[in-house]
């Protein structure tokens, strides 16, 4: 089995301070820190388990929790709400999965669309945490999801992007603040 690592870098020196082994064959797909900086969540995919997130304690540089999701879940992108309470992840298929960052448990999923043209390739959250923005790259369609009701509140077809811009990279910076 390959060994996947998270590298902890000392930003003052630029040197690797330590490495953290991810469990089993957990291959990382995304990484985000909580707003308070105490934890880092790594979205992982595994061929042998239904792991979805690995929580790392920043003070000890150790894995503090692993969060399992339903068997058909394969998380690729994650965002953490600005209050640090919930972690949202894109899943294979038309769902957004939700984990609680306090209990480190799977909470629920939000059905985004009955059938998708492509894949959920990007995820962003507004500054107040009330709306989540998910991009179905195959549409391309942007879904606006109300995080309180946990339902899609609107969707919009993306017609075009500025000249010479692939568009998908722009999505990471255009979530309303």
Protein backbone atom coordinates (compact mmCIF):
# COMPACT_ATOMS: atom_id res chain seq x y z
CA UNK A 1 0.00 0.00 0.00
CA UNK A 2 1.20 3.53 -0.67
CA UNK A 3 1.74 5.71 2.36
CA UNK A 4 0.09 9.12 2.24
CA UNK A 5 1.39 11.90 4.46
CA UNK A 6 0.48 15.38 5.60
CA UNK A 7 3.57 17.56 5.82
CA UNK A 8 3.80 20.14 8.61
CA UNK A 9 6.04 23.00 7.48
CA UNK A 10 7.75 25.53 9.72
CA UNK A 11 6.91 28.73 7.86
CA UNK A 12 9.76 30.68 9.46
CA UNK A 13 12.46 28.29 8.26
CA UNK A 14 10.68 26.63 5.36
CA UNK A 15 11.73 23.23 6.73
CA UNK A 16 9.45 20.25 7.22
CA UNK A 17 8.77 20.12 10.96
CA UNK A 18 7.08 16.73 10.95
CA UNK A 19 4.91 14.41 8.89
CA UNK A 20 1.60 12.80 9.80
CA UNK A 21 0.75 9.40 8.31
CA UNK A 22 -2.79 9.13 7.01
CA UNK A 23 -4.51 5.84 7.93
CA UNK A 24 -4.38 2.81 5.61
CA UNK A 25 -4.74 3.68 1.95
CA UNK A 26 -6.42 7.04 2.65
CA UNK A 27 -5.51 9.25 -0.30
CA UNK A 28 -5.91 13.01 0.38
CA UNK A 29 -8.10 15.08 -1.93
CA UNK A 30 -8.41 18.38 -0.02
CA UNK A 31 -7.32 20.01 3.24
CA UNK A 32 -8.77 22.90 5.27
CA UNK A 33 -8.13 24.44 8.70
CA UNK A 34 -10.87 25.42 11.13
CA UNK A 35 -11.32 29.19 11.62
CA UNK A 36 -9.74 29.00 15.10
CA UNK A 37 -6.72 27.17 13.67
CA UNK A 38 -6.91 24.32 16.20
CA UNK A 39 -7.77 21.55 13.74
CA UNK A 40 -7.07 20.65 10.16
CA UNK A 41 -9.44 18.40 8.21
CA UNK A 42 -8.17 16.26 5.37
CA UNK A 43 -10.70 14.88 2.88
CA UNK A 44 -9.61 11.38 1.93
CA UNK A 45 -10.69 8.59 -0.37
CA UNK A 46 -9.96 4.96 0.32
CA UNK A 47 -10.45 1.77 -1.65
CA UNK A 48 -10.78 -0.33 1.51
CA UNK A 49 -12.75 1.79 4.03
CA UNK A 50 -15.46 4.43 3.97
CA UNK A 51 -13.31 7.09 5.58
CA UNK A 52 -14.19 10.58 4.50
CA UNK A 53 -12.38 13.00 6.79
CA UNK A 54 -9.33 12.84 9.00
CA UNK A 55 -9.11 15.46 11.78
CA UNK A 56 -5.64 16.56 12.84
CA UNK A 57 -4.95 18.36 16.13
CA UNK A 58 -2.61 21.22 15.23
CA UNK A 59 -1.08 21.48 18.73
CA UNK A 60 0.00 17.84 18.88
CA UNK A 61 0.27 17.15 15.12
CA UNK A 62 -1.64 13.91 15.60
CA UNK A 63 -4.85 12.47 14.18
CA UNK A 64 -7.60 13.30 16.67
CA UNK A 65 -10.51 11.68 14.80
CA UNK A 66 -11.54 9.89 11.64
CA UNK A 67 -15.03 10.54 10.32
CA UNK A 68 -16.76 7.81 8.36
CA UNK A 69 -19.48 8.51 5.81
CA UNK A 70 -22.00 6.27 4.02
CA UNK A 71 -20.29 3.63 1.89
CA UNK A 72 -21.03 5.32 -1.45
CA UNK A 73 -19.47 8.63 -0.41
CA UNK A 74 -16.22 9.80 -1.98
CA UNK A 75 -15.32 13.31 -0.84
CA UNK A 76 -13.22 15.45 -3.12
CA UNK A 77 -13.61 19.06 -1.88
CA UNK A 78 -14.42 20.48 1.55
CA UNK A 79 -15.26 23.80 3.18
CA UNK A 80 -15.66 24.62 6.86
CA UNK A 81 -18.29 27.10 7.94
CA UNK A 82 -16.96 30.39 9.36
CA UNK A 83 -18.11 29.43 12.87
CA UNK A 84 -16.11 26.18 12.74
CA UNK A 85 -19.14 24.01 13.46
CA UNK A 86 -19.81 22.12 10.22
CA UNK A 87 -17.68 20.70 7.44
CA UNK A 88 -19.33 20.36 4.04
CA UNK A 89 -17.94 18.06 1.37
CA UNK A 90 -18.66 17.33 -2.27
CA UNK A 91 -19.51 13.71 -2.78
CA UNK A 92 -19.64 11.51 -5.82
CA UNK A 93 -23.10 12.01 -7.17
CA UNK A 94 -25.46 14.85 -6.44
CA UNK A 95 -24.94 15.20 -2.70
CA UNK A 96 -23.16 17.44 -0.23
CA UNK A 97 -22.20 15.60 2.95
CA UNK A 98 -22.10 17.28 6.35
CA UNK A 99 -19.92 16.48 9.36
CA UNK A 100 -19.99 18.10 12.78
CA UNK A 101 -16.56 19.55 13.65
CA UNK A 102 -17.29 19.47 17.39
CA UNK A 103 -18.38 15.83 17.66
CA UNK A 104 -16.40 14.68 14.58
CA UNK A 105 -19.40 12.67 13.38
CA UNK A 106 -21.28 12.38 10.09
CA UNK A 107 -24.49 14.42 10.34
CA UNK A 108 -26.42 14.27 7.11
CA UNK A 109 -26.35 14.94 3.41
CA UNK A 110 -28.02 17.48 1.18
CA UNK A 111 -29.49 16.21 -2.08
CA UNK A 112 -28.40 18.80 -4.60
CA UNK A 113 -29.87 17.57 -7.87
CA UNK A 114 -31.74 14.50 -9.12
CA UNK A 115 -29.14 13.90 -11.80
CA UNK A 116 -26.04 15.78 -12.64
CA UNK A 117 -24.35 16.45 -15.93
CA UNK A 118 -20.88 16.25 -14.43
CA UNK A 119 -19.31 16.32 -11.04
CA UNK A 120 -19.35 18.65 -8.07
CA UNK A 121 -15.96 20.17 -8.66
CA UNK A 122 -15.95 23.24 -6.45
CA UNK A 123 -17.43 24.28 -3.13
CA UNK A 124 -17.44 27.67 -1.41
CA UNK A 125 -19.25 29.15 1.57
CA UNK A 126 -20.36 32.73 2.23
CA UNK A 127 -18.78 34.78 5.03
CA UNK A 128 -21.77 34.33 7.36
CA UNK A 129 -22.05 30.59 6.64
CA UNK A 130 -25.69 30.80 5.58
CA UNK A 131 -25.17 29.86 1.92
CA UNK A 132 -23.04 27.20 0.33
CA UNK A 133 -22.15 27.40 -3.37
CA UNK A 134 -21.54 24.22 -5.31
CA UNK A 135 -20.42 24.01 -8.92
CA UNK A 136 -21.50 21.12 -11.11
CA UNK A 137 -18.76 21.40 -13.71
CA UNK A 138 -20.65 19.33 -16.26
CA UNK A 139 -23.65 21.69 -16.42
CA UNK A 140 -22.08 24.04 -15.68
CA UNK A 141 -24.52 24.92 -12.93
CA UNK A 142 -23.94 26.74 -9.65
CA UNK A 143 -26.22 25.52 -6.86
CA UNK A 144 -26.93 27.85 -3.94
CA UNK A 145 -27.63 25.82 -0.81
CA UNK A 146 -29.20 27.19 2.36
CA UNK A 147 -27.19 25.68 5.22
CA UNK A 148 -29.97 26.26 7.77
CA UNK A 149 -32.74 24.46 5.85
CA UNK A 150 -30.15 22.16 4.23
CA UNK A 151 -31.83 22.52 0.86
CA UNK A 152 -31.05 24.01 -2.54
CA UNK A 153 -32.47 27.53 -2.59
CA UNK A 154 -31.58 28.32 -6.20
CA UNK A 155 -29.49 27.28 -9.15
CA UNK A 156 -28.03 29.13 -12.09
CA UNK A 157 -26.68 27.97 -15.41
CA UNK A 158 -23.24 29.41 -16.16
CA UNK A 159 -23.32 30.73 -19.71
CA UNK A 160 -19.76 31.95 -20.23
CA UNK A 161 -16.57 32.97 -18.50
CA UNK A 162 -14.27 35.91 -19.26
CA UNK A 163 -11.98 35.41 -22.29
CA UNK A 164 -8.96 33.18 -21.63
CA UNK A 165 -10.28 32.11 -18.22
CA UNK A 166 -11.11 28.46 -17.56
CA UNK A 167 -13.78 29.62 -15.11
CA UNK A 168 -13.50 26.73 -12.69
CA UNK A 169 -10.47 28.32 -11.04
CA UNK A 170 -12.34 31.62 -10.70
CA UNK A 171 -15.10 29.94 -8.69
CA UNK A 172 -12.89 29.57 -5.63
CA UNK A 173 -12.71 33.33 -5.23
CA UNK A 174 -16.17 34.54 -6.25
CA UNK A 175 -18.37 33.31 -3.39
CA UNK A 176 -20.23 36.35 -2.05
CA UNK A 177 -18.74 37.66 1.16
